[in-house]
Amino acid sequence: MDKVLVTIVGIALIGFIYWFFLMKREKAVEATDVLQINVEGGYSPETISLKKGKPVTLTFLRTDPSSCLEEVVMPEFRVRKGLPLGQKVDIALKPETAGEFPFSCGMGMYHGKIIVTD
């Protein structure tokens, strides 16, 4: 009986790990004119959908005291901005190219993604 129980629990854990790391899909939040991104243990929302050629302002609000989250880096948009604790920081973008563009903290430990569509 113990072997059966351990086997069932093991299979369930393998399934959960597979789903969590490989199957979990984040939902993209569409930004219209202004979108606030909360910085607390990562970015929320972490996936942002933008329209090509349409200007948008991303407002970052950092409430996490971790030094890793002190700045946000968007290499494709040539943005590297400091995020002071408890203050809103606006980043204006006007994406001209469709595609997926990652962004991260200054140390590259926390990630997000901007999806630009036509």
N, C-alpha and C. Protein backbone atom coordinates (compact mmCIF):
# COMPACT_ATOMS: atom_id res chain seq x y z
N MET A 1 0.83 -1.20 0.00
CA MET A 1 0.00 0.00 0.00
C MET A 1 0.87 1.27 0.00
N ASP A 2 1.98 1.24 0.76
CA ASP A 2 2.86 2.41 0.82
C ASP A 2 3.47 2.71 -0.54
N LYS A 3 3.84 1.68 -1.27
CA LYS A 3 4.45 1.87 -2.59
C LYS A 3 3.47 2.51 -3.56
N VAL A 4 2.22 2.09 -3.49
CA VAL A 4 1.19 2.65 -4.37
C VAL A 4 0.98 4.13 -4.05
N LEU A 5 0.91 4.45 -2.78
CA LEU A 5 0.71 5.84 -2.36
C LEU A 5 1.88 6.72 -2.78
N VAL A 6 3.10 6.25 -2.58
CA VAL A 6 4.28 7.01 -2.96
C VAL A 6 4.32 7.19 -4.48
N THR A 7 3.96 6.17 -5.23
CA THR A 7 3.93 6.26 -6.70
C THR A 7 2.91 7.30 -7.16
N ILE A 8 1.73 7.28 -6.58
CA ILE A 8 0.68 8.23 -6.96
C ILE A 8 1.10 9.67 -6.63
N VAL A 9 1.66 9.88 -5.44
CA VAL A 9 2.11 11.22 -5.06
C VAL A 9 3.25 11.67 -5.96
N GLY A 10 4.17 10.77 -6.29
CA GLY A 10 5.28 11.10 -7.18
C GLY A 10 4.81 11.51 -8.56
N ILE A 11 3.86 10.78 -9.12
CA ILE A 11 3.32 11.12 -10.44
C ILE A 11 2.60 12.47 -10.39
N ALA A 12 1.86 12.71 -9.31
CA ALA A 12 1.17 14.00 -9.17
C ALA A 12 2.17 15.15 -9.08
N LEU A 13 3.26 14.97 -8.36
CA LEU A 13 4.28 16.02 -8.25
C LEU A 13 4.98 16.25 -9.59
N ILE A 14 5.26 15.20 -10.31
CA ILE A 14 5.87 15.36 -11.64
C ILE A 14 4.93 16.15 -12.56
N GLY A 15 3.66 15.84 -12.52
CA GLY A 15 2.67 16.56 -13.33
C GLY A 15 2.59 18.03 -12.94
N PHE A 16 2.60 18.32 -11.65
CA PHE A 16 2.55 19.70 -11.19
C PHE A 16 3.79 20.47 -11.62
N ILE A 17 4.96 19.88 -11.47
CA ILE A 17 6.19 20.55 -11.86
C ILE A 17 6.20 20.81 -13.36
N TYR A 18 5.77 19.85 -14.14
CA TYR A 18 5.70 20.02 -15.59
C TYR A 18 4.76 21.18 -15.94
N TRP A 19 3.59 21.21 -15.34
CA TRP A 19 2.63 22.28 -15.61
C TRP A 19 3.19 23.63 -15.18
N PHE A 20 3.77 23.71 -13.99
CA PHE A 20 4.22 24.98 -13.44
C PHE A 20 5.34 25.60 -14.27
N PHE A 21 6.30 24.80 -14.73
CA PHE A 21 7.45 25.34 -15.43
C PHE A 21 7.30 25.36 -16.95
N LEU A 22 6.51 24.48 -17.51
CA LEU A 22 6.44 24.39 -18.97
C LEU A 22 5.09 24.75 -19.57
N MET A 23 4.02 24.54 -18.87
CA MET A 23 2.70 24.76 -19.45
C MET A 23 2.04 26.06 -19.00
N LYS A 24 2.49 26.63 -17.93
CA LYS A 24 1.87 27.83 -17.39
C LYS A 24 2.07 29.00 -18.35
N ARG A 25 1.01 29.59 -18.78
CA ARG A 25 1.06 30.73 -19.70
C ARG A 25 0.57 31.98 -18.98
N GLU A 26 1.37 33.00 -19.05
CA GLU A 26 0.96 34.25 -18.44
C GLU A 26 -0.02 34.96 -19.38
N LYS A 27 -0.92 35.70 -18.78
CA LYS A 27 -1.92 36.43 -19.55
C LYS A 27 -1.40 37.84 -19.80
N ALA A 28 -1.42 38.25 -21.05
CA ALA A 28 -0.94 39.58 -21.41
C ALA A 28 -2.01 40.62 -21.09
N VAL A 29 -1.59 41.71 -20.49
CA VAL A 29 -2.48 42.84 -20.20
C VAL A 29 -2.26 43.88 -21.28
N GLU A 30 -3.35 44.29 -21.91
CA GLU A 30 -3.24 45.27 -22.99
C GLU A 30 -3.19 46.68 -22.42
N ALA A 31 -2.18 47.40 -22.82
CA ALA A 31 -2.02 48.79 -22.38
C ALA A 31 -2.63 49.71 -23.42
N THR A 32 -3.46 50.65 -22.97
CA THR A 32 -4.07 51.60 -23.89
C THR A 32 -3.23 52.88 -23.91
N ASP A 33 -3.41 53.75 -22.94
CA ASP A 33 -2.64 54.99 -22.87
C ASP A 33 -1.61 54.94 -21.74
N VAL A 34 -2.08 54.51 -20.56
CA VAL A 34 -1.22 54.43 -19.38
C VAL A 34 -1.48 53.09 -18.70
N LEU A 35 -0.41 52.44 -18.26
CA LEU A 35 -0.53 51.18 -17.53
C LEU A 35 0.41 51.21 -16.34
N GLN A 36 -0.13 50.91 -15.15
CA GLN A 36 0.72 50.85 -13.96
C GLN A 36 1.24 49.44 -13.78
N ILE A 37 2.53 49.34 -13.52
CA ILE A 37 3.19 48.07 -13.26
C ILE A 37 3.69 48.11 -11.83
N ASN A 38 3.18 47.21 -11.00
CA ASN A 38 3.61 47.14 -9.61
C ASN A 38 4.86 46.28 -9.51
N VAL A 39 5.85 46.78 -8.79
CA VAL A 39 7.12 46.09 -8.64
C VAL A 39 7.21 45.59 -7.20
N GLU A 40 6.82 44.33 -7.00
CA GLU A 40 6.80 43.71 -5.68
C GLU A 40 7.13 42.24 -5.87
N GLY A 41 8.38 41.86 -5.67
CA GLY A 41 8.79 40.47 -5.89
C GLY A 41 8.74 40.09 -7.35
N GLY A 42 8.81 41.05 -8.23
CA GLY A 42 8.70 40.87 -9.67
C GLY A 42 7.85 41.98 -10.24
N TYR A 43 7.35 41.75 -11.44
CA TYR A 43 6.54 42.76 -12.12
C TYR A 43 5.11 42.25 -12.27
N SER A 44 4.14 43.11 -11.97
CA SER A 44 2.74 42.72 -12.12
C SER A 44 1.99 43.87 -12.78
N PRO A 45 1.51 43.69 -13.99
CA PRO A 45 1.60 42.48 -14.82
C PRO A 45 3.01 42.31 -15.39
N GLU A 46 3.34 41.07 -15.69
CA GLU A 46 4.67 40.80 -16.23
C GLU A 46 4.67 40.69 -17.74
N THR A 47 3.49 40.53 -18.34
CA THR A 47 3.38 40.49 -19.80
C THR A 47 2.43 41.59 -20.24
N ILE A 48 2.92 42.47 -21.11
CA ILE A 48 2.17 43.65 -21.53
C ILE A 48 2.03 43.62 -23.04
N SER A 49 0.83 43.87 -23.52
CA SER A 49 0.57 43.91 -24.95
C SER A 49 0.38 45.37 -25.39
N LEU A 50 1.14 45.77 -26.43
CA LEU A 50 1.06 47.13 -26.97
C LEU A 50 0.75 47.07 -28.46
N LYS A 51 0.17 48.13 -28.97
CA LYS A 51 -0.08 48.26 -30.41
C LYS A 51 1.09 49.00 -31.04
N LYS A 52 1.52 48.51 -32.18
CA LYS A 52 2.63 49.11 -32.91
C LYS A 52 2.28 50.55 -33.32
N GLY A 53 3.20 51.48 -33.05
CA GLY A 53 3.03 52.87 -33.44
C GLY A 53 2.19 53.70 -32.51
N LYS A 54 1.60 53.10 -31.47
CA LYS A 54 0.75 53.84 -30.55
C LYS A 54 1.53 54.18 -29.28
N PRO A 55 1.63 55.47 -28.93
CA PRO A 55 2.37 55.84 -27.72
C PRO A 55 1.65 55.36 -26.45
N VAL A 56 2.45 54.93 -25.49
CA VAL A 56 1.91 54.46 -24.22
C VAL A 56 2.90 54.84 -23.12
N THR A 57 2.36 55.06 -21.93
CA THR A 57 3.19 55.36 -20.77
C THR A 57 3.06 54.21 -19.78
N LEU A 58 4.19 53.60 -19.45
CA LEU A 58 4.23 52.56 -18.43
C LEU A 58 4.67 53.23 -17.13
N THR A 59 3.84 53.11 -16.09
CA THR A 59 4.14 53.71 -14.79
C THR A 59 4.54 52.60 -13.83
N PHE A 60 5.79 52.62 -13.42
CA PHE A 60 6.31 51.62 -12.49
C PHE A 60 6.21 52.17 -11.07
N LEU A 61 5.66 51.34 -10.16
CA LEU A 61 5.58 51.69 -8.74
C LEU A 61 6.26 50.58 -7.95
N ARG A 62 7.42 50.89 -7.42
CA ARG A 62 8.20 49.89 -6.66
C ARG A 62 7.87 49.98 -5.19
N THR A 63 7.38 48.87 -4.62
CA THR A 63 7.10 48.78 -3.19
C THR A 63 7.98 47.74 -2.51
N ASP A 64 8.82 47.07 -3.28
CA ASP A 64 9.72 46.03 -2.78
C ASP A 64 11.08 46.66 -2.46
N PRO A 65 11.57 46.53 -1.23
CA PRO A 65 12.85 47.16 -0.87
C PRO A 65 14.08 46.43 -1.42
N SER A 66 13.89 45.33 -2.12
CA SER A 66 15.02 44.56 -2.65
C SER A 66 15.86 45.43 -3.59
N SER A 67 17.18 45.38 -3.40
CA SER A 67 18.07 46.20 -4.23
C SER A 67 18.07 45.75 -5.69
N CYS A 68 17.70 44.51 -5.95
CA CYS A 68 17.67 44.02 -7.32
C CYS A 68 16.64 44.77 -8.16
N LEU A 69 15.56 45.17 -7.54
CA LEU A 69 14.48 45.83 -8.27
C LEU A 69 14.62 47.35 -8.32
N GLU A 70 15.81 47.87 -8.05
CA GLU A 70 16.03 49.31 -8.03
C GLU A 70 16.01 49.95 -9.41
N GLU A 71 16.09 49.15 -10.46
CA GLU A 71 16.00 49.72 -11.80
C GLU A 71 15.34 48.72 -12.75
N VAL A 72 14.84 49.27 -13.84
CA VAL A 72 14.25 48.44 -14.89
C VAL A 72 15.05 48.69 -16.17
N VAL A 73 15.29 47.60 -16.91
CA VAL A 73 16.09 47.67 -18.13
C VAL A 73 15.27 47.11 -19.29
N MET A 74 15.14 47.92 -20.34
CA MET A 74 14.46 47.51 -21.58
C MET A 74 15.43 47.73 -22.72
N PRO A 75 16.28 46.74 -23.03
CA PRO A 75 17.35 46.94 -24.00
C PRO A 75 16.87 47.35 -25.39
N GLU A 76 15.80 46.74 -25.89
CA GLU A 76 15.34 47.06 -27.24
C GLU A 76 14.79 48.47 -27.36
N PHE A 77 14.35 49.05 -26.24
CA PHE A 77 13.83 50.42 -26.25
C PHE A 77 14.87 51.41 -25.71
N ARG A 78 16.07 50.93 -25.43
CA ARG A 78 17.18 51.74 -24.90
C ARG A 78 16.77 52.50 -23.64
N VAL A 79 16.15 51.74 -22.72
CA VAL A 79 15.69 52.32 -21.46
C VAL A 79 16.40 51.62 -20.31
N ARG A 80 16.93 52.41 -19.41
CA ARG A 80 17.49 51.94 -18.14
C ARG A 80 17.14 53.01 -17.12
N LYS A 81 16.11 52.73 -16.29
CA LYS A 81 15.59 53.74 -15.37
C LYS A 81 15.64 53.25 -13.94
N GLY A 82 16.02 54.13 -13.04
CA GLY A 82 15.97 53.84 -11.61
C GLY A 82 14.54 53.88 -11.11
N LEU A 83 14.24 53.00 -10.16
CA LEU A 83 12.90 52.93 -9.58
C LEU A 83 13.00 53.20 -8.07
N PRO A 84 12.89 54.46 -7.66
CA PRO A 84 12.96 54.77 -6.22
C PRO A 84 11.79 54.11 -5.47
N LEU A 85 12.05 53.66 -4.27
CA LEU A 85 11.05 52.99 -3.46
C LEU A 85 9.88 53.92 -3.17
N GLY A 86 8.66 53.46 -3.47
CA GLY A 86 7.45 54.21 -3.17
C GLY A 86 7.14 55.37 -4.10
N GLN A 87 7.88 55.51 -5.19
CA GLN A 87 7.63 56.61 -6.13
C GLN A 87 7.27 56.06 -7.50
N LYS A 88 6.35 56.72 -8.16
CA LYS A 88 5.98 56.32 -9.52
C LYS A 88 6.99 56.86 -10.51
N VAL A 89 7.38 56.00 -11.45
CA VAL A 89 8.32 56.38 -12.51
C VAL A 89 7.64 56.09 -13.84
N ASP A 90 7.50 57.12 -14.67
CA ASP A 90 6.87 56.98 -15.98
C ASP A 90 7.92 56.71 -17.05
N ILE A 91 7.60 55.75 -17.92
CA ILE A 91 8.43 55.46 -19.08
C ILE A 91 7.53 55.53 -20.30
N ALA A 92 7.81 56.49 -21.17
CA ALA A 92 7.01 56.66 -22.39
C ALA A 92 7.62 55.83 -23.52
N LEU A 93 6.77 55.05 -24.18
CA LEU A 93 7.21 54.22 -25.30
C LEU A 93 6.32 54.45 -26.51
N LYS A 94 6.89 54.31 -27.68
CA LYS A 94 6.14 54.29 -28.92
C LYS A 94 6.78 53.22 -29.80
N PRO A 95 6.35 51.95 -29.61
CA PRO A 95 6.99 50.85 -30.33
C PRO A 95 6.74 50.93 -31.83
N GLU A 96 7.79 50.81 -32.61
CA GLU A 96 7.69 50.90 -34.06
C GLU A 96 7.82 49.53 -34.75
N THR A 97 8.19 48.50 -33.99
CA THR A 97 8.39 47.17 -34.55
C THR A 97 7.58 46.16 -33.77
N ALA A 98 6.88 45.27 -34.49
CA ALA A 98 6.13 44.20 -33.83
C ALA A 98 7.10 43.12 -33.36
N GLY A 99 6.74 42.45 -32.27
CA GLY A 99 7.55 41.37 -31.75
C GLY A 99 7.45 41.28 -30.23
N GLU A 100 8.29 40.42 -29.65
CA GLU A 100 8.35 40.25 -28.20
C GLU A 100 9.66 40.84 -27.69
N PHE A 101 9.55 41.69 -26.69
CA PHE A 101 10.71 42.40 -26.16
C PHE A 101 10.78 42.20 -24.65
N PRO A 102 11.83 41.56 -24.15
CA PRO A 102 11.93 41.33 -22.71
C PRO A 102 12.39 42.58 -21.98
N PHE A 103 12.02 42.65 -20.70
CA PHE A 103 12.59 43.66 -19.81
C PHE A 103 12.90 42.96 -18.50
N SER A 104 13.78 43.57 -17.71
CA SER A 104 14.21 42.91 -16.47
C SER A 104 14.67 43.95 -15.46
N CYS A 105 14.99 43.44 -14.28
CA CYS A 105 15.61 44.29 -13.27
C CYS A 105 17.08 44.49 -13.66
N GLY A 106 17.77 45.34 -12.95
CA GLY A 106 19.16 45.63 -13.28
C GLY A 106 20.07 44.42 -13.19
N MET A 107 19.75 43.46 -12.34
CA MET A 107 20.58 42.27 -12.17
C MET A 107 20.14 41.11 -13.05
N GLY A 108 19.02 41.27 -13.75
CA GLY A 108 18.51 40.22 -14.63
C GLY A 108 17.85 39.06 -13.91
N MET A 109 17.43 39.26 -12.66
CA MET A 109 16.80 38.18 -11.90
C MET A 109 15.27 38.16 -12.07
N TYR A 110 14.65 39.30 -12.28
CA TYR A 110 13.21 39.38 -12.46
C TYR A 110 12.95 39.84 -13.89
N HIS A 111 11.96 39.21 -14.53
CA HIS A 111 11.74 39.44 -15.95
C HIS A 111 10.28 39.77 -16.24
N GLY A 112 10.10 40.45 -17.34
CA GLY A 112 8.79 40.72 -17.91
C GLY A 112 8.92 40.73 -19.41
N LYS A 113 7.80 40.94 -20.10
CA LYS A 113 7.84 40.88 -21.56
C LYS A 113 6.82 41.87 -22.12
N ILE A 114 7.24 42.58 -23.17
CA ILE A 114 6.34 43.47 -23.90
C ILE A 114 6.09 42.83 -25.25
N ILE A 115 4.82 42.63 -25.59
CA ILE A 115 4.44 42.06 -26.87
C ILE A 115 3.83 43.19 -27.69
N VAL A 116 4.45 43.48 -28.84
CA VAL A 116 3.96 44.54 -29.71
C VAL A 116 3.29 43.88 -30.91
N THR A 117 2.02 44.24 -31.13
CA THR A 117 1.25 43.68 -32.24
C THR A 117 0.91 44.76 -33.25
N ASP A 118 0.62 44.33 -34.47
CA ASP A 118 0.23 45.28 -35.55
C ASP A 118 -1.13 45.85 -35.32
